[in-house]
């Protein structure tokens, strides 16, 4: 479920998200969600090396480039976006579980 938030972006970041939005025919909100969701698994895997990122950067770039040139590969792009959201959610759940364990070991 989506919830509405207001965020303030620097000009350069807003322009970049707008360019992504135009190029791939998605909303700026979706572009922001994608950018956030791409970073979450990577950061969690740095904090907790047991967590592995399931989507390779090479596959990501290949699919994105192909979909920007070929409208027939739009379904691949949408499948990739779904995978990105799924992996980000899994990473957040992993992080929350690990943080809970870590806090349980800390003595007050």
PDB file of N, CA and C in Angstrom:
ATOM      1  N   UNK A   1       0.841  -1.171   0.000  1.00  0.00           N
ATOM      2  CA  UNK A   1       0.000   0.000   0.000  1.00  0.00           C
ATOM      3  C   UNK A   1       0.890   1.239   0.000  1.00  0.00           C
ATOM      4  N   UNK A   2       0.498   2.211  -0.747  1.00  0.00           N
ATOM      5  CA  UNK A   2       1.274   3.438  -0.837  1.00  0.00           C
ATOM      6  C   UNK A   2       0.720   4.475   0.134  1.00  0.00           C
ATOM      7  N   UNK A   3       1.625   5.249   0.693  1.00  0.00           N
ATOM      8  CA  UNK A   3       1.265   6.317   1.612  1.00  0.00           C
ATOM      9  C   UNK A   3       1.908   7.599   1.087  1.00  0.00           C
ATOM     10  N   UNK A   4       1.225   8.689   1.211  1.00  0.00           N
ATOM     11  CA  UNK A   4       1.701   9.959   0.674  1.00  0.00           C
ATOM     12  C   UNK A   4       2.648  10.642   1.673  1.00  0.00           C
ATOM     13  N   UNK A   5       3.808  11.073   1.142  1.00  0.00           N
ATOM     14  CA  UNK A   5       4.781  11.825   1.921  1.00  0.00           C
ATOM     15  C   UNK A   5       5.227  13.022   1.088  1.00  0.00           C
ATOM     16  N   UNK A   6       5.600  14.061   1.757  1.00  0.00           N
ATOM     17  CA  UNK A   6       6.158  15.200   1.042  1.00  0.00           C
ATOM     18  C   UNK A   6       7.645  15.224   1.319  1.00  0.00           C
ATOM     19  N   UNK A   7       8.446  15.269   0.257  1.00  0.00           N
ATOM     20  CA  UNK A   7       9.892  15.357   0.433  1.00  0.00           C
ATOM     21  C   UNK A   7      10.401  16.554  -0.350  1.00  0.00           C
ATOM     22  N   UNK A   8      11.491  17.096   0.110  1.00  0.00           N
ATOM     23  CA  UNK A   8      12.115  18.230  -0.567  1.00  0.00           C
ATOM     24  C   UNK A   8      13.436  17.728  -1.141  1.00  0.00           C
ATOM     25  N   UNK A   9      13.633  17.966  -2.433  1.00  0.00           N
ATOM     26  CA  UNK A   9      14.827  17.499  -3.120  1.00  0.00           C
ATOM     27  C   UNK A   9      15.639  18.679  -3.622  1.00  0.00           C
ATOM     28  N   UNK A  10      16.933  18.479  -3.720  1.00  0.00           N
ATOM     29  CA  UNK A  10      17.774  19.498  -4.351  1.00  0.00           C
ATOM     30  C   UNK A  10      17.409  19.539  -5.836  1.00  0.00           C
ATOM     31  N   UNK A  11      17.728  20.649  -6.484  1.00  0.00           N
ATOM     32  CA  UNK A  11      17.395  20.805  -7.902  1.00  0.00           C
ATOM     33  C   UNK A  11      17.964  19.669  -8.742  1.00  0.00           C
ATOM     34  N   UNK A  12      19.244  19.349  -8.539  1.00  0.00           N
ATOM     35  CA  UNK A  12      19.891  18.338  -9.375  1.00  0.00           C
ATOM     36  C   UNK A  12      19.252  16.961  -9.204  1.00  0.00           C
ATOM     37  N   UNK A  13      18.828  16.630  -7.985  1.00  0.00           N
ATOM     38  CA  UNK A  13      18.202  15.332  -7.758  1.00  0.00           C
ATOM     39  C   UNK A  13      16.788  15.303  -8.350  1.00  0.00           C
ATOM     40  N   UNK A  14      16.067  16.381  -8.177  1.00  0.00           N
ATOM     41  CA  UNK A  14      14.735  16.478  -8.777  1.00  0.00           C
ATOM     42  C   UNK A  14      14.795  16.396 -10.297  1.00  0.00           C
ATOM     43  N   UNK A  15      15.783  17.057 -10.895  1.00  0.00           N
ATOM     44  CA  UNK A  15      15.944  17.016 -12.347  1.00  0.00           C
ATOM     45  C   UNK A  15      16.298  15.604 -12.817  1.00  0.00           C
ATOM     46  N   UNK A  16      17.125  14.911 -12.054  1.00  0.00           N
ATOM     47  CA  UNK A  16      17.496  13.545 -12.411  1.00  0.00           C
ATOM     48  C   UNK A  16      16.281  12.614 -12.344  1.00  0.00           C
ATOM     49  N   UNK A  17      15.495  12.725 -11.280  1.00  0.00           N
ATOM     50  CA  UNK A  17      14.300  11.898 -11.158  1.00  0.00           C
ATOM     51  C   UNK A  17      13.282  12.225 -12.255  1.00  0.00           C
ATOM     52  N   UNK A  18      13.185  13.501 -12.613  1.00  0.00           N
ATOM     53  CA  UNK A  18      12.282  13.895 -13.695  1.00  0.00           C
ATOM     54  C   UNK A  18      12.755  13.299 -15.021  1.00  0.00           C
ATOM     55  N   UNK A  19      14.064  13.259 -15.243  1.00  0.00           N
ATOM     56  CA  UNK A  19      14.604  12.670 -16.475  1.00  0.00           C
ATOM     57  C   UNK A  19      14.318  11.172 -16.519  1.00  0.00           C
ATOM     58  N   UNK A  20      14.484  10.486 -15.395  1.00  0.00           N
ATOM     59  CA  UNK A  20      14.157   9.055 -15.320  1.00  0.00           C
ATOM     60  C   UNK A  20      12.672   8.863 -15.604  1.00  0.00           C
ATOM     61  N   UNK A  21      11.870   9.709 -15.000  1.00  0.00           N
ATOM     62  CA  UNK A  21      10.422   9.639 -15.176  1.00  0.00           C
ATOM     63  C   UNK A  21      10.031   9.768 -16.640  1.00  0.00           C
ATOM     64  N   UNK A  22      10.593  10.756 -17.326  1.00  0.00           N
ATOM     65  CA  UNK A  22      10.287  10.972 -18.746  1.00  0.00           C
ATOM     66  C   UNK A  22      10.791   9.824 -19.612  1.00  0.00           C
ATOM     67  N   UNK A  23      12.004   9.398 -19.367  1.00  0.00           N
ATOM     68  CA  UNK A  23      12.626   8.378 -20.211  1.00  0.00           C
ATOM     69  C   UNK A  23      11.894   7.041 -20.150  1.00  0.00           C
ATOM     70  N   UNK A  24      11.457   6.657 -18.940  1.00  0.00           N
ATOM     71  CA  UNK A  24      10.846   5.333 -18.768  1.00  0.00           C
ATOM     72  C   UNK A  24       9.333   5.386 -18.581  1.00  0.00           C
ATOM     73  N   UNK A  25       8.758   6.569 -18.771  1.00  0.00           N
ATOM     74  CA  UNK A  25       7.310   6.747 -18.688  1.00  0.00           C
ATOM     75  C   UNK A  25       6.746   6.250 -17.350  1.00  0.00           C
ATOM     76  N   UNK A  26       7.357   6.729 -16.276  1.00  0.00           N
ATOM     77  CA  UNK A  26       6.889   6.434 -14.922  1.00  0.00           C
ATOM     78  C   UNK A  26       6.748   7.761 -14.184  1.00  0.00           C
ATOM     79  N   UNK A  27       6.071   7.743 -13.052  1.00  0.00           N
ATOM     80  CA  UNK A  27       5.915   8.980 -12.285  1.00  0.00           C
ATOM     81  C   UNK A  27       7.218   9.298 -11.545  1.00  0.00           C
ATOM     82  N   UNK A  28       7.351  10.553 -11.148  1.00  0.00           N
ATOM     83  CA  UNK A  28       8.523  10.948 -10.362  1.00  0.00           C
ATOM     84  C   UNK A  28       8.509  10.210  -9.025  1.00  0.00           C
ATOM     85  N   UNK A  29       7.331   9.989  -8.466  1.00  0.00           N
ATOM     86  CA  UNK A  29       7.235   9.235  -7.212  1.00  0.00           C
ATOM     87  C   UNK A  29       7.773   7.822  -7.384  1.00  0.00           C
ATOM     88  N   UNK A  30       7.419   7.184  -8.489  1.00  0.00           N
ATOM     89  CA  UNK A  30       7.926   5.829  -8.724  1.00  0.00           C
ATOM     90  C   UNK A  30       9.430   5.848  -8.950  1.00  0.00           C
ATOM     91  N   UNK A  31       9.927   6.844  -9.652  1.00  0.00           N
ATOM     92  CA  UNK A  31      11.375   6.958  -9.859  1.00  0.00           C
ATOM     93  C   UNK A  31      12.088   7.092  -8.507  1.00  0.00           C
ATOM     94  N   UNK A  32      11.533   7.898  -7.604  1.00  0.00           N
ATOM     95  CA  UNK A  32      12.133   8.057  -6.265  1.00  0.00           C
ATOM     96  C   UNK A  32      12.082   6.740  -5.497  1.00  0.00           C
ATOM     97  N   UNK A  33      10.962   6.019  -5.574  1.00  0.00           N
ATOM     98  CA  UNK A  33      10.852   4.716  -4.893  1.00  0.00           C
ATOM     99  C   UNK A  33      11.895   3.739  -5.425  1.00  0.00           C
ATOM    100  N   UNK A  34      12.070   3.721  -6.733  1.00  0.00           N
ATOM    101  CA  UNK A  34      13.038   2.806  -7.339  1.00  0.00           C
ATOM    102  C   UNK A  34      14.447   3.123  -6.853  1.00  0.00           C
ATOM    103  N   UNK A  35      14.805   4.392  -6.892  1.00  0.00           N
ATOM    104  CA  UNK A  35      16.151   4.796  -6.470  1.00  0.00           C
ATOM    105  C   UNK A  35      16.387   4.410  -5.003  1.00  0.00           C
ATOM    106  N   UNK A  36      15.416   4.652  -4.151  1.00  0.00           N
ATOM    107  CA  UNK A  36      15.545   4.260  -2.742  1.00  0.00           C
ATOM    108  C   UNK A  36      15.658   2.747  -2.596  1.00  0.00           C
ATOM    109  N   UNK A  37      14.805   2.027  -3.293  1.00  0.00           N
ATOM    110  CA  UNK A  37      14.777   0.566  -3.168  1.00  0.00           C
ATOM    111  C   UNK A  37      16.014  -0.093  -3.754  1.00  0.00           C
ATOM    112  N   UNK A  38      16.687   0.560  -4.677  1.00  0.00           N
ATOM    113  CA  UNK A  38      17.929   0.008  -5.204  1.00  0.00           C
ATOM    114  C   UNK A  38      19.046   0.065  -4.163  1.00  0.00           C
ATOM    115  N   UNK A  39      19.043   1.087  -3.337  1.00  0.00           N
ATOM    116  CA  UNK A  39      20.118   1.256  -2.369  1.00  0.00           C
ATOM    117  C   UNK A  39      19.940   0.436  -1.094  1.00  0.00           C
ATOM    118  N   UNK A  40      18.726   0.184  -0.708  1.00  0.00           N
ATOM    119  CA  UNK A  40      18.470  -0.494   0.562  1.00  0.00           C
ATOM    120  C   UNK A  40      19.186  -1.835   0.666  1.00  0.00           C
ATOM    121  N   UNK A  41      19.013  -2.761  -0.289  1.00  0.00           N
ATOM    122  CA  UNK A  41      19.703  -4.055  -0.150  1.00  0.00           C
ATOM    123  C   UNK A  41      21.226  -3.922  -0.105  1.00  0.00           C
ATOM    124  N   UNK A  42      21.767  -2.979  -0.859  1.00  0.00           N
ATOM    125  CA  UNK A  42      23.220  -2.788  -0.867  1.00  0.00           C
ATOM    126  C   UNK A  42      23.720  -2.315   0.492  1.00  0.00           C
ATOM    127  N   UNK A  43      23.021  -1.374   1.088  1.00  0.00           N
ATOM    128  CA  UNK A  43      23.439  -0.868   2.396  1.00  0.00           C
ATOM    129  C   UNK A  43      23.273  -1.920   3.485  1.00  0.00           C
ATOM    130  N   UNK A  44      22.189  -2.679   3.419  1.00  0.00           N
ATOM    131  CA  UNK A  44      21.978  -3.744   4.410  1.00  0.00           C
ATOM    132  C   UNK A  44      23.081  -4.790   4.281  1.00  0.00           C
ATOM    133  N   UNK A  45      23.478  -5.115   3.053  1.00  0.00           N
ATOM    134  CA  UNK A  45      24.527  -6.123   2.880  1.00  0.00           C
ATOM    135  C   UNK A  45      25.890  -5.617   3.352  1.00  0.00           C
ATOM    136  N   UNK A  46      26.091  -4.320   3.370  1.00  0.00           N
ATOM    137  CA  UNK A  46      27.328  -3.772   3.936  1.00  0.00           C
ATOM    138  C   UNK A  46      27.284  -3.875   5.459  1.00  0.00           C
ATOM    139  N   UNK A  47      26.150  -3.531   6.046  1.00  0.00           N
ATOM    140  CA  UNK A  47      26.006  -3.589   7.499  1.00  0.00           C
ATOM    141  C   UNK A  47      25.978  -5.030   8.005  1.00  0.00           C
ATOM    142  N   UNK A  48      25.373  -5.921   7.226  1.00  0.00           N
ATOM    143  CA  UNK A  48      25.237  -7.334   7.594  1.00  0.00           C
ATOM    144  C   UNK A  48      25.659  -8.186   6.401  1.00  0.00           C
ATOM    145  N   UNK A  49      26.941  -8.540   6.321  1.00  0.00           N
ATOM    146  CA  UNK A  49      27.443  -9.292   5.161  1.00  0.00           C
ATOM    147  C   UNK A  49      26.741 -10.629   4.905  1.00  0.00           C
ATOM    148  N   UNK A  50      26.033 -11.157   5.894  1.00  0.00           N
ATOM    149  CA  UNK A  50      25.273 -12.389   5.658  1.00  0.00           C
ATOM    150  C   UNK A  50      24.178 -12.169   4.623  1.00  0.00           C
ATOM    151  N   UNK A  51      23.702 -10.953   4.503  1.00  0.00           N
ATOM    152  CA  UNK A  51      22.644 -10.643   3.541  1.00  0.00           C
ATOM    153  C   UNK A  51      23.284 -10.403   2.171  1.00  0.00           C
ATOM    154  N   UNK A  52      22.837 -11.132   1.194  1.00  0.00           N
ATOM    155  CA  UNK A  52      23.362 -11.003  -0.169  1.00  0.00           C
ATOM    156  C   UNK A  52      22.331 -10.310  -1.058  1.00  0.00           C
ATOM    157  N   UNK A  53      22.817  -9.449  -1.921  1.00  0.00           N
ATOM    158  CA  UNK A  53      21.954  -8.751  -2.872  1.00  0.00           C
ATOM    159  C   UNK A  53      21.626  -9.716  -4.011  1.00  0.00           C
ATOM    160  N   UNK A  54      20.355  -9.910  -4.277  1.00  0.00           N
ATOM    161  CA  UNK A  54      19.917 -10.902  -5.263  1.00  0.00           C
ATOM    162  C   UNK A  54      19.917 -10.379  -6.696  1.00  0.00           C
ATOM    163  N   UNK A  55      19.860  -9.078  -6.877  1.00  0.00           N
ATOM    164  CA  UNK A  55      19.812  -8.508  -8.230  1.00  0.00           C
ATOM    165  C   UNK A  55      21.200  -7.965  -8.564  1.00  0.00           C
ATOM    166  N   UNK A  56      21.767  -8.472  -9.642  1.00  0.00           N
ATOM    167  CA  UNK A  56      23.103  -8.005 -10.022  1.00  0.00           C
ATOM    168  C   UNK A  56      23.002  -6.652 -10.733  1.00  0.00           C
ATOM    169  N   UNK A  57      23.991  -5.825 -10.513  1.00  0.00           N
ATOM    170  CA  UNK A  57      24.022  -4.512 -11.159  1.00  0.00           C
ATOM    171  C   UNK A  57      24.062  -4.660 -12.680  1.00  0.00           C
ATOM    172  N   UNK A  58      24.779  -5.670 -13.154  1.00  0.00           N
ATOM    173  CA  UNK A  58      24.896  -5.887 -14.602  1.00  0.00           C
ATOM    174  C   UNK A  58      23.525  -6.208 -15.209  1.00  0.00           C
ATOM    175  N   UNK A  59      22.755  -7.102 -14.562  1.00  0.00           N
ATOM    176  CA  UNK A  59      21.412  -7.432 -15.060  1.00  0.00           C
ATOM    177  C   UNK A  59      20.510  -6.206 -15.033  1.00  0.00           C
ATOM    178  N   UNK A  60      20.647  -5.429 -13.982  1.00  0.00           N
ATOM    179  CA  UNK A  60      19.852  -4.221 -13.832  1.00  0.00           C
ATOM    180  C   UNK A  60      20.108  -3.259 -14.994  1.00  0.00           C
ATOM    181  N   UNK A  61      21.368  -2.972 -15.256  1.00  0.00           N
ATOM    182  CA  UNK A  61      21.725  -2.031 -16.319  1.00  0.00           C
ATOM    183  C   UNK A  61      21.324  -2.575 -17.687  1.00  0.00           C
ATOM    184  N   UNK A  62      21.546  -3.862 -17.908  1.00  0.00           N
ATOM    185  CA  UNK A  62      21.184  -4.473 -19.190  1.00  0.00           C
ATOM    186  C   UNK A  62      19.690  -4.346 -19.457  1.00  0.00           C
ATOM    187  N   UNK A  63      18.871  -4.678 -18.469  1.00  0.00           N
ATOM    188  CA  UNK A  63      17.413  -4.608 -18.640  1.00  0.00           C
ATOM    189  C   UNK A  63      16.956  -3.172 -18.854  1.00  0.00           C
ATOM    190  N   UNK A  64      17.518  -2.257 -18.100  1.00  0.00           N
ATOM    191  CA  UNK A  64      17.120  -0.848 -18.227  1.00  0.00           C
ATOM    192  C   UNK A  64      17.496  -0.309 -19.608  1.00  0.00           C
ATOM    193  N   UNK A  65      18.703  -0.605 -20.067  1.00  0.00           N
ATOM    194  CA  UNK A  65      19.122  -0.129 -21.388  1.00  0.00           C
ATOM    195  C   UNK A  65      18.240  -0.718 -22.488  1.00  0.00           C
ATOM    196  N   UNK A  66      17.965  -2.011 -22.386  1.00  0.00           N
ATOM    197  CA  UNK A  66      17.149  -2.676 -23.405  1.00  0.00           C
ATOM    198  C   UNK A  66      15.746  -2.069 -23.445  1.00  0.00           C
ATOM    199  N   UNK A  67      15.171  -1.796 -22.286  1.00  0.00           N
ATOM    200  CA  UNK A  67      13.801  -1.262 -22.268  1.00  0.00           C
ATOM    201  C   UNK A  67      13.750   0.179 -22.753  1.00  0.00           C
ATOM    202  N   UNK A  68      14.852   0.914 -22.632  1.00  0.00           N
ATOM    203  CA  UNK A  68      14.832   2.295 -23.131  1.00  0.00           C
ATOM    204  C   UNK A  68      14.911   2.332 -24.651  1.00  0.00           C
ATOM    205  N   UNK A  69      15.429   1.261 -25.270  1.00  0.00           N
ATOM    206  CA  UNK A  69      15.534   1.207 -26.737  1.00  0.00           C
ATOM    207  C   UNK A  69      14.388   0.443 -27.382  1.00  0.00           C
ATOM    208  N   UNK A  70      13.809  -0.508 -26.641  1.00  0.00           N
ATOM    209  CA  UNK A  70      12.843  -1.441 -27.226  1.00  0.00           C
ATOM    210  C   UNK A  70      11.581  -1.486 -26.371  1.00  0.00           C
ATOM    211  N   UNK A  71      10.474  -1.030 -26.921  1.00  0.00           N
ATOM    212  CA  UNK A  71       9.218  -1.009 -26.153  1.00  0.00           C
ATOM    213  C   UNK A  71       8.695  -2.413 -25.877  1.00  0.00           C
ATOM    214  N   UNK A  72       9.136  -3.414 -26.658  1.00  0.00           N
ATOM    215  CA  UNK A  72       8.700  -4.789 -26.405  1.00  0.00           C
ATOM    216  C   UNK A  72       9.268  -5.341 -25.099  1.00  0.00           C
ATOM    217  N   UNK A  73      10.345  -4.755 -24.621  1.00  0.00           N
ATOM    218  CA  UNK A  73      10.954  -5.259 -23.385  1.00  0.00           C
ATOM    219  C   UNK A  73      10.439  -4.525 -22.146  1.00  0.00           C
ATOM    220  N   UNK A  74       9.356  -3.772 -22.286  1.00  0.00           N
ATOM    221  CA  UNK A  74       8.757  -3.066 -21.138  1.00  0.00           C
ATOM    222  C   UNK A  74       8.310  -4.045 -20.059  1.00  0.00           C
ATOM    223  N   UNK A  75       7.828  -5.220 -20.468  1.00  0.00           N
ATOM    224  CA  UNK A  75       7.395  -6.226 -19.489  1.00  0.00           C
ATOM    225  C   UNK A  75       8.589  -6.675 -18.637  1.00  0.00           C
ATOM    226  N   UNK A  76       9.761  -6.783 -19.270  1.00  0.00           N
ATOM    227  CA  UNK A  76      10.973  -7.140 -18.523  1.00  0.00           C
ATOM    228  C   UNK A  76      11.308  -6.050 -17.503  1.00  0.00           C
ATOM    229  N   UNK A  77      11.131  -4.802 -17.910  1.00  0.00           N
ATOM    230  CA  UNK A  77      11.396  -3.694 -17.001  1.00  0.00           C
ATOM    231  C   UNK A  77      10.444  -3.744 -15.809  1.00  0.00           C
ATOM    232  N   UNK A  78       9.178  -3.977 -16.061  1.00  0.00           N
ATOM    233  CA  UNK A  78       8.202  -4.031 -14.964  1.00  0.00           C
ATOM    234  C   UNK A  78       8.463  -5.222 -14.036  1.00  0.00           C
ATOM    235  N   UNK A  79       8.913  -6.332 -14.604  1.00  0.00           N
ATOM    236  CA  UNK A  79       9.289  -7.486 -13.786  1.00  0.00           C
ATOM    237  C   UNK A  79      10.498  -7.137 -12.912  1.00  0.00           C
ATOM    238  N   UNK A  80      11.456  -6.425 -13.504  1.00  0.00           N
ATOM    239  CA  UNK A  80      12.640  -6.002 -12.767  1.00  0.00           C
ATOM    240  C   UNK A  80      12.259  -5.061 -11.624  1.00  0.00           C
ATOM    241  N   UNK A  81      11.354  -4.118 -11.897  1.00  0.00           N
ATOM    242  CA  UNK A  81      10.920  -3.184 -10.846  1.00  0.00           C
ATOM    243  C   UNK A  81      10.251  -3.941  -9.709  1.00  0.00           C
ATOM    244  N   UNK A  82       9.456  -4.918 -10.045  1.00  0.00           N
ATOM    245  CA  UNK A  82       8.819  -5.747  -9.026  1.00  0.00           C
ATOM    246  C   UNK A  82       9.871  -6.469  -8.186  1.00  0.00           C
ATOM    247  N   UNK A  83      10.908  -6.992  -8.840  1.00  0.00           N
ATOM    248  CA  UNK A  83      12.000  -7.667  -8.123  1.00  0.00           C
ATOM    249  C   UNK A  83      12.748  -6.694  -7.218  1.00  0.00           C
ATOM    250  N   UNK A  84      12.943  -5.474  -7.701  1.00  0.00           N
ATOM    251  CA  UNK A  84      13.646  -4.456  -6.897  1.00  0.00           C
ATOM    252  C   UNK A  84      12.854  -4.165  -5.620  1.00  0.00           C
ATOM    253  N   UNK A  85      11.547  -3.967  -5.750  1.00  0.00           N
ATOM    254  CA  UNK A  85      10.718  -3.704  -4.575  1.00  0.00           C
ATOM    255  C   UNK A  85      10.737  -4.891  -3.612  1.00  0.00           C
ATOM    256  N   UNK A  86      10.639  -6.107  -4.159  1.00  0.00           N
ATOM    257  CA  UNK A  86      10.630  -7.316  -3.337  1.00  0.00           C
ATOM    258  C   UNK A  86      11.949  -7.458  -2.578  1.00  0.00           C
ATOM    259  N   UNK A  87      13.064  -7.270  -3.258  1.00  0.00           N
ATOM    260  CA  UNK A  87      14.379  -7.415  -2.614  1.00  0.00           C
ATOM    261  C   UNK A  87      14.603  -6.337  -1.557  1.00  0.00           C
ATOM    262  N   UNK A  88      14.112  -5.129  -1.804  1.00  0.00           N
ATOM    263  CA  UNK A  88      14.252  -4.062  -0.809  1.00  0.00           C
ATOM    264  C   UNK A  88      13.454  -4.399   0.444  1.00  0.00           C
ATOM    265  N   UNK A  89      12.264  -4.922   0.245  1.00  0.00           N
ATOM    266  CA  UNK A  89      11.437  -5.296   1.404  1.00  0.00           C
ATOM    267  C   UNK A  89      12.080  -6.427   2.193  1.00  0.00           C
ATOM    268  N   UNK A  90      12.601  -7.436   1.478  1.00  0.00           N
ATOM    269  CA  UNK A  90      13.302  -8.535   2.151  1.00  0.00           C
ATOM    270  C   UNK A  90      14.505  -8.013   2.941  1.00  0.00           C
ATOM    271  N   UNK A  91      15.233  -7.085   2.352  1.00  0.00           N
ATOM    272  CA  UNK A  91      16.414  -6.520   3.015  1.00  0.00           C
ATOM    273  C   UNK A  91      16.021  -5.753   4.279  1.00  0.00           C
ATOM    274  N   UNK A  92      14.939  -4.995   4.214  1.00  0.00           N
ATOM    275  CA  UNK A  92      14.482  -4.254   5.390  1.00  0.00           C
ATOM    276  C   UNK A  92      14.038  -5.211   6.487  1.00  0.00           C
ATOM    277  N   UNK A  93      13.341  -6.281   6.112  1.00  0.00           N
ATOM    278  CA  UNK A  93      12.922  -7.284   7.103  1.00  0.00           C
ATOM    279  C   UNK A  93      14.137  -7.960   7.731  1.00  0.00           C
ATOM    280  N   UNK A  94      15.140  -8.281   6.922  1.00  0.00           N
ATOM    281  CA  UNK A  94      16.377  -8.879   7.431  1.00  0.00           C
ATOM    282  C   UNK A  94      17.062  -7.920   8.401  1.00  0.00           C
ATOM    283  N   UNK A  95      17.169  -6.655   7.987  1.00  0.00           N
ATOM    284  CA  UNK A  95      17.811  -5.642   8.820  1.00  0.00           C
ATOM    285  C   UNK A  95      17.088  -5.499  10.163  1.00  0.00           C
ATOM    286  N   UNK A  96      15.769  -5.433  10.121  1.00  0.00           N
ATOM    287  CA  UNK A  96      14.987  -5.276  11.358  1.00  0.00           C
ATOM    288  C   UNK A  96      15.203  -6.462  12.285  1.00  0.00           C
ATOM    289  N   UNK A  97      15.235  -7.662  11.740  1.00  0.00           N
ATOM    290  CA  UNK A  97      15.459  -8.868  12.543  1.00  0.00           C
ATOM    291  C   UNK A  97      16.853  -8.851  13.171  1.00  0.00           C
ATOM    292  N   UNK A  98      17.853  -8.485  12.387  1.00  0.00           N
ATOM    293  CA  UNK A  98      19.229  -8.426  12.897  1.00  0.00           C
ATOM    294  C   UNK A  98      19.389  -7.321  13.950  1.00  0.00           C
ATOM    295  N   UNK A  99      18.750  -6.194  13.737  1.00  0.00           N
ATOM    296  CA  UNK A  99      18.810  -5.103  14.721  1.00  0.00           C
ATOM    297  C   UNK A  99      18.149  -5.522  16.026  1.00  0.00           C
ATOM    298  N   UNK A 100      17.055  -6.240  15.931  1.00  0.00           N
ATOM    299  CA  UNK A 100      16.363  -6.717  17.131  1.00  0.00           C
ATOM    300  C   UNK A 100      17.256  -7.681  17.908  1.00  0.00           C
ATOM    301  N   UNK A 101      17.940  -8.578  17.197  1.00  0.00           N
ATOM    302  CA  UNK A 101      18.879  -9.505  17.848  1.00  0.00           C
ATOM    303  C   UNK A 101      20.007  -8.736  18.531  1.00  0.00           C
ATOM    304  N   UNK A 102      20.555  -7.757  17.804  1.00  0.00           N
ATOM    305  CA  UNK A 102      21.676  -6.970  18.322  1.00  0.00           C
ATOM    306  C   UNK A 102      21.277  -6.200  19.575  1.00  0.00           C
ATOM    307  N   UNK A 103      20.098  -5.616  19.551  1.00  0.00           N
ATOM    308  CA  UNK A 103      19.626  -4.848  20.710  1.00  0.00           C
ATOM    309  C   UNK A 103      19.327  -5.757  21.885  1.00  0.00           C
ATOM    310  N   UNK A 104      18.935  -6.993  21.619  1.00  0.00           N
ATOM    311  CA  UNK A 104      18.668  -7.953  22.676  1.00  0.00           C
ATOM    312  C   UNK A 104      19.939  -8.368  23.393  1.00  0.00           C
ATOM    313  N   UNK A 105      21.092  -8.267  22.721  1.00  0.00           N
ATOM    314  CA  UNK A 105      22.363  -8.658  23.319  1.00  0.00           C
ATOM    315  C   UNK A 105      22.997  -7.531  24.116  1.00  0.00           C
ATOM    316  N   UNK A 106      22.590  -6.293  23.865  1.00  0.00           N
ATOM    317  CA  UNK A 106      23.158  -5.130  24.551  1.00  0.00           C
ATOM    318  C   UNK A 106      22.580  -5.036  25.953  1.00  0.00           C
ATOM    319  N   UNK A 107      23.471  -4.916  26.929  1.00  0.00           N
ATOM    320  CA  UNK A 107      23.027  -4.798  28.321  1.00  0.00           C
ATOM    321  C   UNK A 107      22.872  -3.317  28.681  1.00  0.00           C
ATOM    322  N   UNK A 108      21.788  -2.958  29.346  1.00  0.00           N
ATOM    323  CA  UNK A 108      21.561  -1.538  29.694  1.00  0.00           C
ATOM    324  C   UNK A 108      22.511  -1.036  30.746  1.00  0.00           C
TER     325      UNK A 108
END
